[in-house]
N, C-alpha and C. Protein backbone atom coordinates (compact mmCIF):
# COMPACT_ATOMS: atom_id res chain seq x y z
N MET A 1 10.87 -2.43 -4.58
CA MET A 1 12.70 -2.20 -4.36
C MET A 1 12.19 0.01 -4.50
N ASP A 2 13.05 0.75 -3.84
CA ASP A 2 12.48 2.01 -3.28
C ASP A 2 13.21 2.43 -4.49
N ASN A 3 12.78 2.99 -5.84
CA ASN A 3 13.43 3.81 -6.56
C ASN A 3 12.87 4.96 -7.27
N ALA A 4 12.18 5.74 -6.06
CA ALA A 4 11.33 6.93 -6.57
C ALA A 4 12.31 8.04 -5.58
N GLY A 5 13.25 8.67 -6.59
CA GLY A 5 13.98 9.33 -5.74
C GLY A 5 13.23 11.27 -5.26
N GLY A 6 13.85 11.60 -4.32
CA GLY A 6 13.03 12.91 -3.74
C GLY A 6 11.67 12.30 -3.01
N THR A 7 11.37 11.38 -2.95
CA THR A 7 10.29 10.80 -2.19
C THR A 7 10.38 11.04 -0.56
N ALA A 8 9.37 11.90 -0.13
CA ALA A 8 9.33 11.69 1.21
C ALA A 8 8.87 11.09 2.30
N ASN A 9 7.35 9.67 1.67
CA ASN A 9 7.18 8.85 2.14
C ASN A 9 6.50 8.44 1.03
N PHE A 10 5.67 7.32 1.37
CA PHE A 10 4.87 6.44 0.95
C PHE A 10 3.61 5.95 1.48
N ILE A 11 2.38 6.39 0.98
CA ILE A 11 0.78 5.94 1.03
C ILE A 11 0.79 4.74 0.71
N VAL A 12 -0.06 3.84 1.79
CA VAL A 12 -0.55 2.60 1.28
C VAL A 12 -1.98 2.39 1.57
N ASP A 13 -2.59 2.40 0.71
CA ASP A 13 -4.48 1.88 0.90
C ASP A 13 -4.27 0.79 0.68
N ARG A 14 -5.46 0.24 1.42
CA ARG A 14 -6.19 -1.31 1.31
C ARG A 14 -7.69 -1.29 0.90
N LYS A 15 -7.55 -2.25 0.25
CA LYS A 15 -9.50 -2.39 -0.03
C LYS A 15 -9.85 -4.35 0.24
N THR A 16 -10.99 -4.39 0.66
CA THR A 16 -11.29 -5.74 0.78
C THR A 16 -12.04 -6.16 -0.06
N GLY A 17 -11.36 -7.44 -0.53
CA GLY A 17 -11.83 -7.59 -1.95
C GLY A 17 -11.75 -6.89 -3.07
N THR A 18 -11.77 -7.85 -4.01
CA THR A 18 -11.92 -7.34 -5.41
C THR A 18 -12.63 -5.70 -5.77
N ALA A 19 -13.42 -5.51 -5.34
CA ALA A 19 -14.61 -5.06 -5.61
C ALA A 19 -15.17 -3.67 -4.29
N GLY A 20 -14.07 -3.90 -3.68
CA GLY A 20 -13.77 -2.61 -2.49
C GLY A 20 -13.61 -1.57 -2.94
N THR A 21 -13.63 -0.55 -2.07
CA THR A 21 -13.06 1.07 -1.79
C THR A 21 -11.93 1.06 -1.05
N TYR A 22 -11.07 1.46 -1.76
CA TYR A 22 -9.59 1.58 -0.97
C TYR A 22 -10.00 2.86 0.10
N ALA A 23 -9.02 2.45 0.83
CA ALA A 23 -8.72 3.45 2.44
C ALA A 23 -7.40 3.59 2.94
N ARG A 24 -6.68 4.50 3.43
CA ARG A 24 -5.41 4.43 3.88
C ARG A 24 -5.22 4.27 5.10
N ILE A 25 -4.40 3.06 4.87
CA ILE A 25 -3.82 2.28 5.88
C ILE A 25 -2.54 2.74 6.62
N ALA A 26 -1.74 3.41 6.17
CA ALA A 26 -0.26 3.55 6.84
C ALA A 26 0.10 4.80 5.33
N THR A 27 1.29 5.04 6.47
CA THR A 27 1.98 6.23 5.52
C THR A 27 3.35 5.60 6.15
N THR A 28 4.25 5.40 5.41
CA THR A 28 5.83 4.86 5.80
C THR A 28 6.71 6.33 5.73
N GLY A 29 7.99 5.87 5.70
CA GLY A 29 9.05 6.33 5.77
C GLY A 29 9.98 5.92 4.03
N THR A 30 10.84 6.85 3.72
CA THR A 30 11.70 6.33 2.92
C THR A 30 12.80 5.34 2.61
N GLY A 31 12.97 5.00 1.76
CA GLY A 31 13.52 3.34 2.21
C GLY A 31 12.73 2.08 2.51
N ILE A 32 11.43 2.02 2.85
CA ILE A 32 10.89 1.34 3.29
C ILE A 32 10.60 0.56 2.29
N THR A 33 10.80 -0.83 1.96
CA THR A 33 10.69 -1.94 1.11
C THR A 33 9.55 -2.55 1.54
N THR A 34 9.10 -2.66 2.49
CA THR A 34 7.86 -4.22 2.98
C THR A 34 7.19 -2.81 3.85
N TYR A 35 6.20 -3.46 4.23
CA TYR A 35 5.40 -3.53 4.70
C TYR A 35 4.32 -4.50 5.35
N ILE A 36 4.07 -4.79 6.57
CA ILE A 36 3.40 -5.50 7.36
C ILE A 36 2.09 -5.48 8.10
N ASP A 37 0.99 -5.89 7.20
CA ASP A 37 -0.28 -5.53 7.16
C ASP A 37 -1.25 -6.69 8.81
N ALA A 38 -0.74 -6.28 9.73
CA ALA A 38 -1.31 -6.91 10.89
C ALA A 38 -2.71 -7.17 11.38
N ALA A 39 -3.66 -6.09 10.47
CA ALA A 39 -5.41 -6.19 10.44
C ALA A 39 -5.83 -6.84 9.90
N VAL A 40 -5.28 -8.18 9.33
CA VAL A 40 -5.50 -9.06 7.87
C VAL A 40 -6.71 -10.05 8.95
N VAL A 41 -7.62 -10.69 8.03
CA VAL A 41 -8.21 -12.24 8.75
C VAL A 41 -8.27 -12.85 7.97
N ALA A 42 -8.13 -14.35 8.27
CA ALA A 42 -7.72 -15.58 7.35
C ALA A 42 -8.31 -15.50 6.36
N GLY A 43 -8.32 -16.16 5.32
CA GLY A 43 -9.43 -16.28 4.44
C GLY A 43 -10.42 -15.05 3.54
N THR A 44 -9.46 -14.21 3.93
CA THR A 44 -10.42 -12.68 3.26
C THR A 44 -9.03 -12.01 2.14
N THR A 45 -9.77 -11.91 1.33
CA THR A 45 -8.83 -11.27 0.04
C THR A 45 -8.58 -9.82 0.31
N TYR A 46 -7.82 -9.44 0.03
CA TYR A 46 -7.25 -7.98 0.41
C TYR A 46 -6.31 -7.58 -0.96
N CYS A 47 -6.60 -6.01 -1.07
CA CYS A 47 -5.57 -5.93 -2.04
C CYS A 47 -5.05 -4.34 -1.69
N TYR A 48 -3.70 -4.37 -2.67
CA TYR A 48 -3.25 -3.32 -1.64
C TYR A 48 -2.62 -2.29 -3.33
N ARG A 49 -2.73 -0.52 -2.71
CA ARG A 49 -1.46 -0.35 -3.64
C ARG A 49 -1.00 0.81 -3.15
N VAL A 50 -0.03 1.53 -3.47
CA VAL A 50 0.97 2.34 -3.00
C VAL A 50 1.53 3.34 -4.12
N LYS A 51 1.60 5.10 -3.34
CA LYS A 51 1.90 6.01 -4.16
C LYS A 51 3.29 6.36 -3.06
N ALA A 52 3.73 7.67 -4.04
CA ALA A 52 5.13 8.02 -3.18
C ALA A 52 4.42 9.28 -2.96
N SER A 53 4.73 10.03 -2.07
CA SER A 53 4.75 11.48 -1.84
C SER A 53 5.64 12.40 -1.47
N ASN A 54 6.05 13.48 -2.16
CA ASN A 54 6.80 14.81 -1.23
C ASN A 54 6.40 15.93 -1.05
N ALA A 55 6.80 17.28 -1.38
CA ALA A 55 6.07 18.15 -1.01
C ALA A 55 5.47 18.89 -2.07
N LEU A 56 6.17 18.25 -2.94
CA LEU A 56 5.66 18.71 -4.60
C LEU A 56 4.58 17.87 -5.05
N GLY A 57 3.58 17.19 -4.19
CA GLY A 57 3.02 16.11 -4.78
C GLY A 57 3.03 14.48 -4.41
N ASP A 58 1.95 13.91 -5.09
CA ASP A 58 2.05 12.35 -4.72
C ASP A 58 2.41 12.16 -6.34
N SER A 59 3.07 10.68 -6.08
CA SER A 59 2.85 9.89 -7.52
C SER A 59 1.74 9.43 -7.99
N GLY A 60 1.75 8.63 -9.02
CA GLY A 60 0.39 7.72 -9.42
C GLY A 60 0.46 6.22 -8.79
N TYR A 61 -0.45 5.94 -8.70
CA TYR A 61 -0.44 4.34 -7.61
C TYR A 61 0.38 3.49 -8.31
N SER A 62 0.57 2.48 -7.20
CA SER A 62 1.32 1.19 -8.16
C SER A 62 0.37 0.61 -8.74
N LYS A 63 0.72 -0.95 -9.46
CA LYS A 63 -0.54 -1.69 -9.92
C LYS A 63 -0.79 -2.61 -8.89
N GLU A 64 -2.14 -2.88 -8.63
CA GLU A 64 -2.67 -3.31 -7.66
C GLU A 64 -2.28 -4.90 -7.10
N ALA A 65 -2.67 -5.03 -6.35
CA ALA A 65 -1.37 -6.58 -5.88
C ALA A 65 -2.69 -6.66 -4.73
N CYS A 66 -2.91 -8.35 -5.30
CA CYS A 66 -4.20 -8.56 -3.84
C CYS A 66 -3.48 -10.35 -3.83
N LYS A 67 -4.40 -10.75 -2.22
CA LYS A 67 -3.60 -11.92 -2.14
C LYS A 67 -5.11 -12.22 -0.98
N THR A 68 -5.39 -13.45 -0.76
CA THR A 68 -6.16 -13.94 0.43
C THR A 68 -5.18 -14.28 1.48
N ALA A 69 -5.74 -13.68 2.54
CA ALA A 69 -4.68 -14.13 3.55
C ALA A 69 -5.08 -15.50 4.20
N GLY A 70 -3.77 -15.83 4.40
CA GLY A 70 -3.21 -17.28 4.95
C GLY A 70 -3.79 -17.74 6.64
N ASN A 71 -3.82 -18.40 7.08
CA ASN A 71 -4.13 -18.93 8.81
C ASN A 71 -3.00 -18.74 9.24
């Protein structure tokens, strides 16, 4: 749910495995409540985090969400 009033965009970060290092993979506009990562490999675990951003700065990150990609 997009409940971050005043947000200009959302920044999506991903890491491979639970011990990897995060890298930015996307920046979305306001009101976007889903993101499809088309660059995943089946059987690999990926973790994601998101933060809101606007001209005044960035929010903190969301809780990490991890999932192993299916076939």
